[in-house]
N, C-alpha and C. Protein backbone atom coordinates (compact mmCIF):
# COMPACT_ATOMS: atom_id res chain seq x y z
N MET A 1 11.34 0.14 -55.59
CA MET A 1 10.19 0.95 -55.31
C MET A 1 9.44 0.33 -54.13
N ASN A 2 8.95 1.17 -53.27
CA ASN A 2 8.22 0.73 -52.09
C ASN A 2 6.73 0.69 -52.40
N ILE A 3 6.13 -0.48 -52.26
CA ILE A 3 4.69 -0.65 -52.47
C ILE A 3 4.01 -0.43 -51.13
N ASN A 4 3.15 0.57 -51.05
CA ASN A 4 2.45 0.83 -49.80
C ASN A 4 1.01 0.36 -49.88
N TYR A 5 0.28 0.57 -48.82
CA TYR A 5 -1.11 0.11 -48.72
C TYR A 5 -2.01 0.76 -49.77
N ASP A 6 -1.77 2.01 -50.10
CA ASP A 6 -2.59 2.70 -51.10
C ASP A 6 -2.44 2.07 -52.48
N ILE A 7 -1.23 1.66 -52.82
CA ILE A 7 -0.99 1.02 -54.11
C ILE A 7 -1.67 -0.34 -54.16
N LEU A 8 -1.62 -1.09 -53.06
CA LEU A 8 -2.31 -2.38 -52.98
C LEU A 8 -3.82 -2.17 -53.12
N GLN A 9 -4.36 -1.17 -52.45
CA GLN A 9 -5.79 -0.87 -52.53
C GLN A 9 -6.18 -0.49 -53.96
N ASN A 10 -5.32 0.25 -54.65
CA ASN A 10 -5.58 0.64 -56.03
C ASN A 10 -5.62 -0.59 -56.94
N LEU A 11 -4.74 -1.54 -56.72
CA LEU A 11 -4.74 -2.79 -57.48
C LEU A 11 -6.05 -3.54 -57.26
N LEU A 12 -6.49 -3.64 -56.01
CA LEU A 12 -7.73 -4.34 -55.70
C LEU A 12 -8.95 -3.60 -56.25
N ARG A 13 -8.90 -2.28 -56.22
CA ARG A 13 -10.01 -1.49 -56.75
C ARG A 13 -10.16 -1.68 -58.25
N CYS A 14 -9.04 -1.74 -58.96
CA CYS A 14 -9.07 -1.91 -60.41
C CYS A 14 -9.41 -3.33 -60.83
N ASN A 15 -9.22 -4.29 -59.96
CA ASN A 15 -9.54 -5.69 -60.20
C ASN A 15 -10.63 -6.08 -59.21
N LYS A 16 -11.86 -5.68 -59.51
CA LYS A 16 -12.96 -5.80 -58.56
C LYS A 16 -13.27 -7.23 -58.15
N ASN A 17 -12.81 -8.20 -58.92
CA ASN A 17 -13.08 -9.60 -58.59
C ASN A 17 -12.09 -10.16 -57.57
N LEU A 18 -11.01 -9.44 -57.30
CA LEU A 18 -10.02 -9.86 -56.31
C LEU A 18 -10.40 -9.33 -54.93
N LYS A 19 -10.39 -10.19 -53.96
CA LYS A 19 -10.71 -9.80 -52.58
C LYS A 19 -9.67 -10.41 -51.64
N LEU A 20 -9.41 -9.72 -50.54
CA LEU A 20 -8.53 -10.21 -49.49
C LEU A 20 -9.40 -10.55 -48.28
N LYS A 21 -9.15 -11.71 -47.68
CA LYS A 21 -9.96 -12.11 -46.54
C LYS A 21 -9.12 -12.97 -45.60
N PHE A 22 -9.14 -12.60 -44.31
CA PHE A 22 -8.46 -13.41 -43.31
C PHE A 22 -9.38 -14.54 -42.88
N ARG A 23 -8.77 -15.68 -42.57
CA ARG A 23 -9.53 -16.82 -42.08
C ARG A 23 -9.78 -16.65 -40.59
N GLY A 24 -10.99 -16.38 -40.24
CA GLY A 24 -11.36 -16.23 -38.83
C GLY A 24 -10.49 -15.21 -38.12
N ASP A 25 -9.93 -15.60 -36.98
CA ASP A 25 -9.05 -14.73 -36.21
C ASP A 25 -7.58 -15.09 -36.41
N SER A 26 -7.27 -15.78 -37.51
CA SER A 26 -5.90 -16.23 -37.73
C SER A 26 -5.12 -15.20 -38.56
N ASN A 27 -3.87 -15.52 -38.82
CA ASN A 27 -2.99 -14.69 -39.63
C ASN A 27 -2.88 -15.22 -41.05
N ILE A 28 -3.79 -16.07 -41.45
CA ILE A 28 -3.78 -16.65 -42.79
C ILE A 28 -4.69 -15.80 -43.68
N LEU A 29 -4.09 -15.26 -44.73
CA LEU A 29 -4.80 -14.38 -45.66
C LEU A 29 -5.08 -15.14 -46.94
N ASP A 30 -6.33 -15.16 -47.35
CA ASP A 30 -6.73 -15.76 -48.62
C ASP A 30 -6.97 -14.65 -49.63
N VAL A 31 -6.47 -14.86 -50.84
CA VAL A 31 -6.76 -13.97 -51.95
C VAL A 31 -7.80 -14.70 -52.79
N LEU A 32 -8.95 -14.08 -52.93
CA LEU A 32 -10.07 -14.71 -53.62
C LEU A 32 -10.28 -14.07 -54.99
N LEU A 33 -10.57 -14.90 -55.97
CA LEU A 33 -11.01 -14.45 -57.28
C LEU A 33 -12.45 -14.93 -57.39
N TYR A 34 -13.38 -13.99 -57.35
CA TYR A 34 -14.80 -14.28 -57.17
C TYR A 34 -14.96 -14.99 -55.83
N THR A 35 -15.21 -16.29 -55.81
CA THR A 35 -15.33 -17.02 -54.55
C THR A 35 -14.27 -18.10 -54.42
N GLU A 36 -13.38 -18.22 -55.40
CA GLU A 36 -12.34 -19.25 -55.40
C GLU A 36 -11.05 -18.71 -54.77
N VAL A 37 -10.48 -19.48 -53.86
CA VAL A 37 -9.21 -19.10 -53.25
C VAL A 37 -8.10 -19.40 -54.26
N ILE A 38 -7.39 -18.35 -54.67
CA ILE A 38 -6.31 -18.53 -55.65
C ILE A 38 -4.93 -18.42 -55.02
N LEU A 39 -4.88 -17.92 -53.78
CA LEU A 39 -3.61 -17.75 -53.10
C LEU A 39 -3.86 -17.70 -51.60
N THR A 40 -3.01 -18.38 -50.85
CA THR A 40 -3.07 -18.35 -49.39
C THR A 40 -1.70 -17.91 -48.87
N LEU A 41 -1.70 -16.89 -48.03
CA LEU A 41 -0.47 -16.38 -47.44
C LEU A 41 -0.55 -16.46 -45.93
N GLU A 42 0.48 -16.98 -45.31
CA GLU A 42 0.54 -17.00 -43.85
C GLU A 42 1.45 -15.86 -43.41
N LEU A 43 0.86 -14.89 -42.74
CA LEU A 43 1.58 -13.70 -42.29
C LEU A 43 1.86 -13.80 -40.80
N GLU A 44 2.81 -13.01 -40.32
CA GLU A 44 3.13 -13.01 -38.89
C GLU A 44 2.07 -12.31 -38.07
N SER A 45 1.36 -11.35 -38.68
CA SER A 45 0.26 -10.67 -38.00
C SER A 45 -0.81 -10.36 -39.04
N ASN A 46 -1.95 -9.88 -38.60
CA ASN A 46 -3.01 -9.57 -39.56
C ASN A 46 -3.05 -8.09 -39.92
N ASP A 47 -1.89 -7.45 -39.94
CA ASP A 47 -1.75 -6.05 -40.32
C ASP A 47 -1.42 -5.98 -41.82
N ILE A 48 -2.44 -5.70 -42.63
CA ILE A 48 -2.25 -5.68 -44.08
C ILE A 48 -1.31 -4.56 -44.49
N THR A 49 -1.35 -3.43 -43.80
CA THR A 49 -0.49 -2.31 -44.19
C THR A 49 1.00 -2.67 -44.05
N LYS A 50 1.33 -3.48 -43.09
CA LYS A 50 2.72 -3.89 -42.88
C LYS A 50 3.22 -4.82 -43.98
N TYR A 51 2.32 -5.64 -44.54
CA TYR A 51 2.69 -6.63 -45.54
C TYR A 51 2.19 -6.29 -46.93
N SER A 52 1.90 -5.02 -47.19
CA SER A 52 1.34 -4.60 -48.47
C SER A 52 2.22 -4.99 -49.65
N GLU A 53 3.51 -4.76 -49.53
CA GLU A 53 4.42 -5.06 -50.64
C GLU A 53 4.47 -6.57 -50.90
N PHE A 54 4.54 -7.38 -49.84
CA PHE A 54 4.58 -8.83 -49.98
C PHE A 54 3.30 -9.35 -50.63
N ILE A 55 2.16 -8.84 -50.21
CA ILE A 55 0.87 -9.25 -50.78
C ILE A 55 0.79 -8.85 -52.25
N TYR A 56 1.19 -7.61 -52.55
CA TYR A 56 1.16 -7.09 -53.92
C TYR A 56 2.02 -7.96 -54.84
N GLU A 57 3.24 -8.22 -54.44
CA GLU A 57 4.16 -9.03 -55.25
C GLU A 57 3.65 -10.46 -55.41
N SER A 58 3.06 -11.01 -54.37
CA SER A 58 2.53 -12.37 -54.44
C SER A 58 1.38 -12.45 -55.43
N ILE A 59 0.52 -11.45 -55.46
CA ILE A 59 -0.59 -11.43 -56.41
C ILE A 59 -0.06 -11.31 -57.84
N LEU A 60 0.94 -10.46 -58.05
CA LEU A 60 1.49 -10.27 -59.39
C LEU A 60 2.20 -11.50 -59.91
N ASN A 61 2.72 -12.34 -59.02
CA ASN A 61 3.45 -13.53 -59.43
C ASN A 61 2.55 -14.72 -59.72
N LEU A 62 1.25 -14.56 -59.56
CA LEU A 62 0.32 -15.64 -59.87
C LEU A 62 0.29 -15.91 -61.37
N GLU A 63 0.19 -17.17 -61.73
CA GLU A 63 0.10 -17.54 -63.14
C GLU A 63 -1.31 -18.01 -63.45
N GLY A 64 -1.75 -17.77 -64.66
CA GLY A 64 -3.03 -18.29 -65.10
C GLY A 64 -4.22 -17.37 -64.85
N ILE A 65 -3.99 -16.16 -64.33
CA ILE A 65 -5.08 -15.21 -64.17
C ILE A 65 -4.67 -13.88 -64.81
N THR A 66 -5.65 -13.16 -65.28
CA THR A 66 -5.40 -11.86 -65.90
C THR A 66 -5.67 -10.77 -64.87
N ILE A 67 -4.69 -9.90 -64.69
CA ILE A 67 -4.79 -8.83 -63.71
C ILE A 67 -4.52 -7.51 -64.41
N TYR A 68 -5.36 -6.53 -64.16
CA TYR A 68 -5.12 -5.18 -64.66
C TYR A 68 -4.17 -4.48 -63.69
N LEU A 69 -3.06 -3.99 -64.21
CA LEU A 69 -2.07 -3.28 -63.39
C LEU A 69 -2.22 -1.78 -63.59
N PRO A 70 -2.69 -1.08 -62.58
CA PRO A 70 -2.80 0.37 -62.71
C PRO A 70 -1.43 1.03 -62.67
N LYS A 71 -1.35 2.23 -63.21
CA LYS A 71 -0.09 2.98 -63.15
C LYS A 71 0.21 3.34 -61.70
N ILE A 72 1.47 3.30 -61.36
CA ILE A 72 1.91 3.65 -60.01
C ILE A 72 2.57 5.02 -60.10
N TYR A 73 2.02 5.97 -59.39
CA TYR A 73 2.57 7.32 -59.37
C TYR A 73 3.41 7.50 -58.11
N ILE A 74 4.64 7.89 -58.31
CA ILE A 74 5.55 8.12 -57.20
C ILE A 74 5.57 9.61 -56.92
N LYS A 75 5.27 9.97 -55.68
CA LYS A 75 5.25 11.39 -55.30
C LYS A 75 6.61 11.82 -54.82
């Protein structure tokens, strides 16, 4: 299944404490839980839509945090 930007946005919307933030003008993406960095990803560019599936899978593979997984509707 292809995870697109809308599905990633839906995951973030349902888990309001999760935020994505780039470090300055770099390609390093931090995934924040409240204000704590729980995951750091180094991407080739800062285009989130291009790396939506990678970001989504990386968040789901985290251990020790509870994440609400919304249903994914395939059109």
